[in-house]
PDB file of all heavy atoms in Angstrom:
ATOM      1  N   SER A   1      -2.523  12.954 -10.861  1.00  0.00           N
ATOM      2  CA  SER A   1      -1.813  11.992  -9.983  1.00  0.00           C
ATOM      3  C   SER A   1      -2.670  10.735  -9.787  1.00  0.00           C
ATOM      4  O   SER A   1      -3.866  10.745 -10.157  1.00  0.00           O
ATOM      5  CB  SER A   1      -1.493  12.595  -8.645  1.00  0.00           C
ATOM      6  OG  SER A   1      -2.672  12.963  -7.943  1.00  0.00           O
ATOM      7  N   GLY A   2      -2.058   9.688  -9.309  1.00  0.00           N
ATOM      8  CA  GLY A   2      -2.786   8.478  -9.007  1.00  0.00           C
ATOM      9  C   GLY A   2      -2.659   7.365 -10.008  1.00  0.00           C
ATOM     10  O   GLY A   2      -3.143   6.223  -9.753  1.00  0.00           O
ATOM     11  N   GLY A   3      -1.904   7.583 -11.057  1.00  0.00           N
ATOM     12  CA  GLY A   3      -1.684   6.478 -11.985  1.00  0.00           C
ATOM     13  C   GLY A   3      -0.749   5.483 -11.458  1.00  0.00           C
ATOM     14  O   GLY A   3      -0.079   5.655 -10.411  1.00  0.00           O
ATOM     15  N   GLY A   4      -0.620   4.342 -12.100  1.00  0.00           N
ATOM     16  CA  GLY A   4       0.261   3.296 -11.703  1.00  0.00           C
ATOM     17  C   GLY A   4      -0.053   1.976 -12.332  1.00  0.00           C
ATOM     18  O   GLY A   4      -0.820   1.863 -13.313  1.00  0.00           O
ATOM     19  N   PHE A   5       0.489   0.909 -11.701  1.00  0.00           N
ATOM     20  CA  PHE A   5       0.301  -0.420 -12.207  1.00  0.00           C
ATOM     21  C   PHE A   5      -0.747  -1.131 -11.330  1.00  0.00           C
ATOM     22  O   PHE A   5      -0.677  -1.124 -10.122  1.00  0.00           O
ATOM     23  CB  PHE A   5       1.594  -1.176 -12.139  1.00  0.00           C
ATOM     24  CG  PHE A   5       1.605  -2.613 -12.724  1.00  0.00           C
ATOM     25  CD1 PHE A   5       1.920  -2.798 -13.991  1.00  0.00           C
ATOM     26  CD2 PHE A   5       1.207  -3.661 -11.912  1.00  0.00           C
ATOM     27  CE1 PHE A   5       1.868  -4.067 -14.526  1.00  0.00           C
ATOM     28  CE2 PHE A   5       1.192  -4.961 -12.362  1.00  0.00           C
ATOM     29  CZ  PHE A   5       1.498  -5.112 -13.723  1.00  0.00           C
ATOM     30  N   VAL A   6      -1.650  -1.820 -11.969  1.00  0.00           N
ATOM     31  CA  VAL A   6      -2.710  -2.576 -11.234  1.00  0.00           C
ATOM     32  C   VAL A   6      -3.049  -3.834 -12.034  1.00  0.00           C
ATOM     33  O   VAL A   6      -2.999  -3.825 -13.298  1.00  0.00           O
ATOM     34  CB  VAL A   6      -3.931  -1.680 -11.017  1.00  0.00           C
ATOM     35  CG1 VAL A   6      -4.583  -1.289 -12.376  1.00  0.00           C
ATOM     36  CG2 VAL A   6      -4.949  -2.329 -10.081  1.00  0.00           C
ATOM     37  N   GLN A   7      -3.453  -4.825 -11.305  1.00  0.00           N
ATOM     38  CA  GLN A   7      -3.886  -6.070 -11.990  1.00  0.00           C
ATOM     39  C   GLN A   7      -5.291  -5.997 -12.434  1.00  0.00           C
ATOM     40  O   GLN A   7      -6.060  -5.154 -11.961  1.00  0.00           O
ATOM     41  CB  GLN A   7      -3.737  -7.244 -10.982  1.00  0.00           C
ATOM     42  CG  GLN A   7      -2.305  -7.570 -10.655  1.00  0.00           C
ATOM     43  CD  GLN A   7      -2.218  -8.846  -9.732  1.00  0.00           C
ATOM     44  OE1 GLN A   7      -3.177  -9.243  -9.118  1.00  0.00           O
ATOM     45  NE2 GLN A   7      -1.045  -9.536  -9.844  1.00  0.00           N
ATOM     46  N   PRO A   8      -5.686  -6.785 -13.433  1.00  0.00           N
ATOM     47  CA  PRO A   8      -7.098  -6.775 -13.869  1.00  0.00           C
ATOM     48  C   PRO A   8      -8.051  -7.012 -12.746  1.00  0.00           C
ATOM     49  O   PRO A   8      -7.765  -7.827 -11.880  1.00  0.00           O
ATOM     50  CB  PRO A   8      -7.093  -7.941 -14.941  1.00  0.00           C
ATOM     51  CG  PRO A   8      -5.678  -8.014 -15.409  1.00  0.00           C
ATOM     52  CD  PRO A   8      -4.841  -7.686 -14.270  1.00  0.00           C
ATOM     53  N   GLY A   9      -9.112  -6.256 -12.787  1.00  0.00           N
ATOM     54  CA  GLY A   9     -10.094  -6.398 -11.693  1.00  0.00           C
ATOM     55  C   GLY A   9      -9.822  -5.361 -10.539  1.00  0.00           C
ATOM     56  O   GLY A   9     -10.659  -5.194  -9.656  1.00  0.00           O
ATOM     57  N   GLY A  10      -8.659  -4.706 -10.568  1.00  0.00           N
ATOM     58  CA  GLY A  10      -8.311  -3.810  -9.523  1.00  0.00           C
ATOM     59  C   GLY A  10      -8.899  -2.394  -9.710  1.00  0.00           C
ATOM     60  O   GLY A  10      -9.665  -2.193 -10.687  1.00  0.00           O
ATOM     61  N   SER A  11      -8.548  -1.519  -8.813  1.00  0.00           N
ATOM     62  CA  SER A  11      -9.058  -0.147  -8.819  1.00  0.00           C
ATOM     63  C   SER A  11      -7.925   0.890  -8.690  1.00  0.00           C
ATOM     64  O   SER A  11      -6.870   0.573  -8.101  1.00  0.00           O
ATOM     65  CB  SER A  11     -10.043   0.022  -7.610  1.00  0.00           C
ATOM     66  OG  SER A  11     -11.145  -0.828  -7.716  1.00  0.00           O
ATOM     67  N   LEU A  12      -8.233   1.987  -9.228  1.00  0.00           N
ATOM     68  CA  LEU A  12      -7.305   3.169  -9.068  1.00  0.00           C
ATOM     69  C   LEU A  12      -8.177   4.424  -9.038  1.00  0.00           C
ATOM     70  O   LEU A  12      -9.270   4.461  -9.576  1.00  0.00           O
ATOM     71  CB  LEU A  12      -6.302   3.305 -10.161  1.00  0.00           C
ATOM     72  CG  LEU A  12      -5.045   2.404 -10.321  1.00  0.00           C
ATOM     73  CD1 LEU A  12      -4.318   2.641 -11.557  1.00  0.00           C
ATOM     74  CD2 LEU A  12      -4.182   2.702  -9.092  1.00  0.00           C
ATOM     75  N   ARG A  13      -7.661   5.420  -8.311  1.00  0.00           N
ATOM     76  CA  ARG A  13      -8.319   6.704  -8.293  1.00  0.00           C
ATOM     77  C   ARG A  13      -7.333   7.755  -8.790  1.00  0.00           C
ATOM     78  O   ARG A  13      -6.298   7.986  -8.238  1.00  0.00           O
ATOM     79  CB  ARG A  13      -8.769   7.104  -6.911  1.00  0.00           C
ATOM     80  CG  ARG A  13      -9.616   8.352  -6.867  1.00  0.00           C
ATOM     81  CD  ARG A  13     -10.113   8.631  -5.450  1.00  0.00           C
ATOM     82  NE  ARG A  13     -11.044   9.775  -5.413  1.00  0.00           N
ATOM     83  CZ  ARG A  13     -12.357   9.653  -5.487  1.00  0.00           C
ATOM     84  NH1 ARG A  13     -12.885   8.506  -5.678  1.00  0.00           N
ATOM     85  NH2 ARG A  13     -13.140  10.730  -5.436  1.00  0.00           N
ATOM     86  N   LEU A  14      -7.735   8.487  -9.902  1.00  0.00           N
ATOM     87  CA  LEU A  14      -6.921   9.508 -10.437  1.00  0.00           C
ATOM     88  C   LEU A  14      -7.455  10.895  -9.905  1.00  0.00           C
ATOM     89  O   LEU A  14      -8.695  11.033  -9.744  1.00  0.00           O
ATOM     90  CB  LEU A  14      -7.003   9.542 -11.992  1.00  0.00           C
ATOM     91  CG  LEU A  14      -6.594   8.197 -12.678  1.00  0.00           C
ATOM     92  CD1 LEU A  14      -6.689   8.381 -14.233  1.00  0.00           C
ATOM     93  CD2 LEU A  14      -5.281   7.781 -12.273  1.00  0.00           C
ATOM     94  N   SER A  15      -6.521  11.804  -9.729  1.00  0.00           N
ATOM     95  CA  SER A  15      -6.904  13.122  -9.279  1.00  0.00           C
ATOM     96  C   SER A  15      -6.231  14.174 -10.150  1.00  0.00           C
ATOM     97  O   SER A  15      -5.193  13.872 -10.692  1.00  0.00           O
ATOM     98  CB  SER A  15      -6.484  13.365  -7.794  1.00  0.00           C
ATOM     99  OG  SER A  15      -7.180  12.524  -6.928  1.00  0.00           O
ATOM    100  N   CYS A  16      -6.829  15.297 -10.326  1.00  0.00           N
ATOM    101  CA  CYS A  16      -6.290  16.399 -11.121  1.00  0.00           C
ATOM    102  C   CYS A  16      -6.585  17.705 -10.400  1.00  0.00           C
ATOM    103  O   CYS A  16      -7.702  17.979 -10.010  1.00  0.00           O
ATOM    104  CB  CYS A  16      -6.918  16.428 -12.524  1.00  0.00           C
ATOM    105  SG  CYS A  16      -6.428  17.832 -13.575  1.00  0.00           S
ATOM    106  N   VAL A  17      -5.561  18.459 -10.134  1.00  0.00           N
ATOM    107  CA  VAL A  17      -5.673  19.788  -9.530  1.00  0.00           C
ATOM    108  C   VAL A  17      -5.353  20.875 -10.522  1.00  0.00           C
ATOM    109  O   VAL A  17      -4.302  20.804 -11.216  1.00  0.00           O
ATOM    110  CB  VAL A  17      -4.683  19.890  -8.319  1.00  0.00           C
ATOM    111  CG1 VAL A  17      -4.799  21.233  -7.674  1.00  0.00           C
ATOM    112  CG2 VAL A  17      -4.938  18.801  -7.365  1.00  0.00           C
ATOM    113  N   VAL A  18      -6.236  21.860 -10.597  1.00  0.00           N
ATOM    114  CA  VAL A  18      -6.006  23.037 -11.448  1.00  0.00           C
ATOM    115  C   VAL A  18      -5.542  24.184 -10.623  1.00  0.00           C
ATOM    116  O   VAL A  18      -6.210  24.539  -9.625  1.00  0.00           O
ATOM    117  CB  VAL A  18      -7.321  23.387 -12.143  1.00  0.00           C
ATOM    118  CG1 VAL A  18      -7.052  24.552 -13.171  1.00  0.00           C
ATOM    119  CG2 VAL A  18      -7.893  22.184 -12.964  1.00  0.00           C
ATOM    120  N   SER A  19      -4.423  24.787 -10.989  1.00  0.00           N
ATOM    121  CA  SER A  19      -3.951  25.904 -10.220  1.00  0.00           C
ATOM    122  C   SER A  19      -3.674  27.053 -11.202  1.00  0.00           C
ATOM    123  O   SER A  19      -3.541  26.889 -12.436  1.00  0.00           O
ATOM    124  CB  SER A  19      -2.683  25.545  -9.466  1.00  0.00           C
ATOM    125  OG  SER A  19      -1.652  25.161 -10.380  1.00  0.00           O
ATOM    126  N   GLY A  20      -3.509  28.340 -10.608  1.00  0.00           N
ATOM    127  CA  GLY A  20      -3.219  29.460 -11.437  1.00  0.00           C
ATOM    128  C   GLY A  20      -4.396  30.349 -11.557  1.00  0.00           C
ATOM    129  O   GLY A  20      -5.493  30.158 -10.960  1.00  0.00           O
ATOM    130  N   SER A  21      -4.266  31.359 -12.457  1.00  0.00           N
ATOM    131  CA  SER A  21      -5.244  32.373 -12.645  1.00  0.00           C
ATOM    132  C   SER A  21      -6.350  31.871 -13.526  1.00  0.00           C
ATOM    133  O   SER A  21      -6.220  31.883 -14.760  1.00  0.00           O
ATOM    134  CB  SER A  21      -4.604  33.674 -13.181  1.00  0.00           C
ATOM    135  OG  SER A  21      -3.611  34.167 -12.328  1.00  0.00           O
ATOM    136  N   ILE A  22      -7.371  31.420 -12.956  1.00  0.00           N
ATOM    137  CA  ILE A  22      -8.476  30.867 -13.684  1.00  0.00           C
ATOM    138  C   ILE A  22      -9.814  31.277 -13.060  1.00  0.00           C
ATOM    139  O   ILE A  22      -9.963  31.211 -11.873  1.00  0.00           O
ATOM    140  CB  ILE A  22      -8.371  29.358 -13.884  1.00  0.00           C
ATOM    141  CG1 ILE A  22      -9.297  28.802 -14.949  1.00  0.00           C
ATOM    142  CG2 ILE A  22      -8.615  28.605 -12.560  1.00  0.00           C
ATOM    143  CD1 ILE A  22      -8.890  27.403 -15.384  1.00  0.00           C
ATOM    144  N   PHE A  23     -10.765  31.731 -13.851  1.00  0.00           N
ATOM    145  CA  PHE A  23     -12.015  32.198 -13.243  1.00  0.00           C
ATOM    146  C   PHE A  23     -13.001  31.045 -13.123  1.00  0.00           C
ATOM    147  O   PHE A  23     -13.080  30.411 -12.100  1.00  0.00           O
ATOM    148  CB  PHE A  23     -12.566  33.305 -14.107  1.00  0.00           C
ATOM    149  CG  PHE A  23     -11.702  34.535 -14.084  1.00  0.00           C
ATOM    150  CD1 PHE A  23     -10.939  34.911 -15.155  1.00  0.00           C
ATOM    151  CD2 PHE A  23     -11.692  35.321 -12.942  1.00  0.00           C
ATOM    152  CE1 PHE A  23     -10.146  36.065 -15.153  1.00  0.00           C
ATOM    153  CE2 PHE A  23     -10.912  36.494 -12.910  1.00  0.00           C
ATOM    154  CZ  PHE A  23     -10.086  36.790 -13.933  1.00  0.00           C
ATOM    155  N   ILE A  24     -13.725  30.815 -14.117  1.00  0.00           N
ATOM    156  CA  ILE A  24     -14.753  29.744 -14.042  1.00  0.00           C
ATOM    157  C   ILE A  24     -14.370  28.604 -14.948  1.00  0.00           C
ATOM    158  O   ILE A  24     -14.155  28.706 -16.119  1.00  0.00           O
ATOM    159  CB  ILE A  24     -16.166  30.293 -14.430  1.00  0.00           C
ATOM    160  CG1 ILE A  24     -16.592  31.386 -13.422  1.00  0.00           C
ATOM    161  CG2 ILE A  24     -17.221  29.177 -14.404  1.00  0.00           C
ATOM    162  CD1 ILE A  24     -17.879  32.074 -13.822  1.00  0.00           C
ATOM    163  N   ILE A  25     -14.403  27.400 -14.363  1.00  0.00           N
ATOM    164  CA  ILE A  25     -14.208  26.192 -15.217  1.00  0.00           C
ATOM    165  C   ILE A  25     -15.558  25.604 -15.459  1.00  0.00           C
ATOM    166  O   ILE A  25     -16.330  25.377 -14.570  1.00  0.00           O
ATOM    167  CB  ILE A  25     -13.394  25.190 -14.426  1.00  0.00           C
ATOM    168  CG1 ILE A  25     -11.960  25.742 -14.124  1.00  0.00           C
ATOM    169  CG2 ILE A  25     -13.157  23.876 -15.309  1.00  0.00           C
ATOM    170  CD1 ILE A  25     -11.060  24.826 -13.247  1.00  0.00           C
ATOM    171  N   TYR A  26     -15.883  25.422 -16.706  1.00  0.00           N
ATOM    172  CA  TYR A  26     -17.165  24.801 -17.074  1.00  0.00           C
ATOM    173  C   TYR A  26     -17.031  23.296 -17.025  1.00  0.00           C
ATOM    174  O   TYR A  26     -17.072  22.716 -15.967  1.00  0.00           O
ATOM    175  CB  TYR A  26     -17.574  25.332 -18.445  1.00  0.00           C
ATOM    176  CG  TYR A  26     -17.931  26.809 -18.385  1.00  0.00           C
ATOM    177  CD1 TYR A  26     -17.041  27.745 -18.885  1.00  0.00           C
ATOM    178  CD2 TYR A  26     -19.094  27.274 -17.762  1.00  0.00           C
ATOM    179  CE1 TYR A  26     -17.310  29.150 -18.720  1.00  0.00           C
ATOM    180  CE2 TYR A  26     -19.400  28.673 -17.588  1.00  0.00           C
ATOM    181  CZ  TYR A  26     -18.506  29.567 -18.146  1.00  0.00           C
ATOM    182  OH  TYR A  26     -18.759  30.920 -18.030  1.00  0.00           O
ATOM    183  N   ASN A  27     -16.809  22.692 -18.108  1.00  0.00           N
ATOM    184  CA  ASN A  27     -16.638  21.201 -18.058  1.00  0.00           C
ATOM    185  C   ASN A  27     -15.205  20.845 -17.636  1.00  0.00           C
ATOM    186  O   ASN A  27     -14.266  21.556 -17.914  1.00  0.00           O
ATOM    187  CB  ASN A  27     -16.878  20.603 -19.475  1.00  0.00           C
ATOM    188  CG  ASN A  27     -18.343  20.616 -19.838  1.00  0.00           C
ATOM    189  OD1 ASN A  27     -19.178  21.231 -19.202  1.00  0.00           O
ATOM    190  ND2 ASN A  27     -18.646  19.910 -20.944  1.00  0.00           N
ATOM    191  N   MET A  28     -15.170  19.720 -16.933  1.00  0.00           N
ATOM    192  CA  MET A  28     -13.914  19.088 -16.589  1.00  0.00           C
ATOM    193  C   MET A  28     -13.979  17.673 -17.111  1.00  0.00           C
ATOM    194  O   MET A  28     -14.972  17.018 -16.908  1.00  0.00           O
ATOM    195  CB  MET A  28     -13.594  19.102 -15.152  1.00  0.00           C
ATOM    196  CG  MET A  28     -13.564  20.521 -14.517  1.00  0.00           C
ATOM    197  SD  MET A  28     -13.001  20.563 -12.797  1.00  0.00           S
ATOM    198  CE  MET A  28     -11.211  20.416 -12.975  1.00  0.00           C
ATOM    199  N   ASP A  29     -12.922  17.283 -17.820  1.00  0.00           N
ATOM    200  CA  ASP A  29     -12.963  16.001 -18.557  1.00  0.00           C
ATOM    201  C   ASP A  29     -11.727  15.154 -18.204  1.00  0.00           C
ATOM    202  O   ASP A  29     -10.670  15.625 -17.764  1.00  0.00           O
ATOM    203  CB  ASP A  29     -12.948  16.160 -20.034  1.00  0.00           C
ATOM    204  CG  ASP A  29     -13.849  17.268 -20.506  1.00  0.00           C
ATOM    205  OD1 ASP A  29     -14.977  17.269 -20.133  1.00  0.00           O
ATOM    206  OD2 ASP A  29     -13.388  18.151 -21.274  1.00  0.00           O
ATOM    207  N   TRP A  30     -11.917  13.815 -18.316  1.00  0.00           N
ATOM    208  CA  TRP A  30     -10.792  12.884 -18.450  1.00  0.00           C
ATOM    209  C   TRP A  30     -10.744  12.223 -19.789  1.00  0.00           C
ATOM    210  O   TRP A  30     -11.771  11.754 -20.252  1.00  0.00           O
ATOM    211  CB  TRP A  30     -10.964  11.790 -17.378  1.00  0.00           C
ATOM    212  CG  TRP A  30     -10.638  12.285 -15.961  1.00  0.00           C
ATOM    213  CD1 TRP A  30     -11.477  12.646 -14.993  1.00  0.00           C
ATOM    214  CD2 TRP A  30      -9.304  12.331 -15.423  1.00  0.00           C
ATOM    215  NE1 TRP A  30     -10.730  12.998 -13.882  1.00  0.00           N
ATOM    216  CE2 TRP A  30      -9.459  12.791 -14.097  1.00  0.00           C
ATOM    217  CE3 TRP A  30      -8.006  12.086 -15.893  1.00  0.00           C
ATOM    218  CZ2 TRP A  30      -8.380  13.047 -13.281  1.00  0.00           C
ATOM    219  CZ3 TRP A  30      -7.006  12.332 -15.061  1.00  0.00           C
ATOM    220  CH2 TRP A  30      -7.110  12.775 -13.759  1.00  0.00           C
TER     221      TRP A  30
END
């Protein structure tokens, strides 16, 4: 979530939520 339209020089914050049966997450990437 967090995507959208922004003008040059602006800022955005993206977020990602992991749900479900998962034990250990090692690396997380964008």
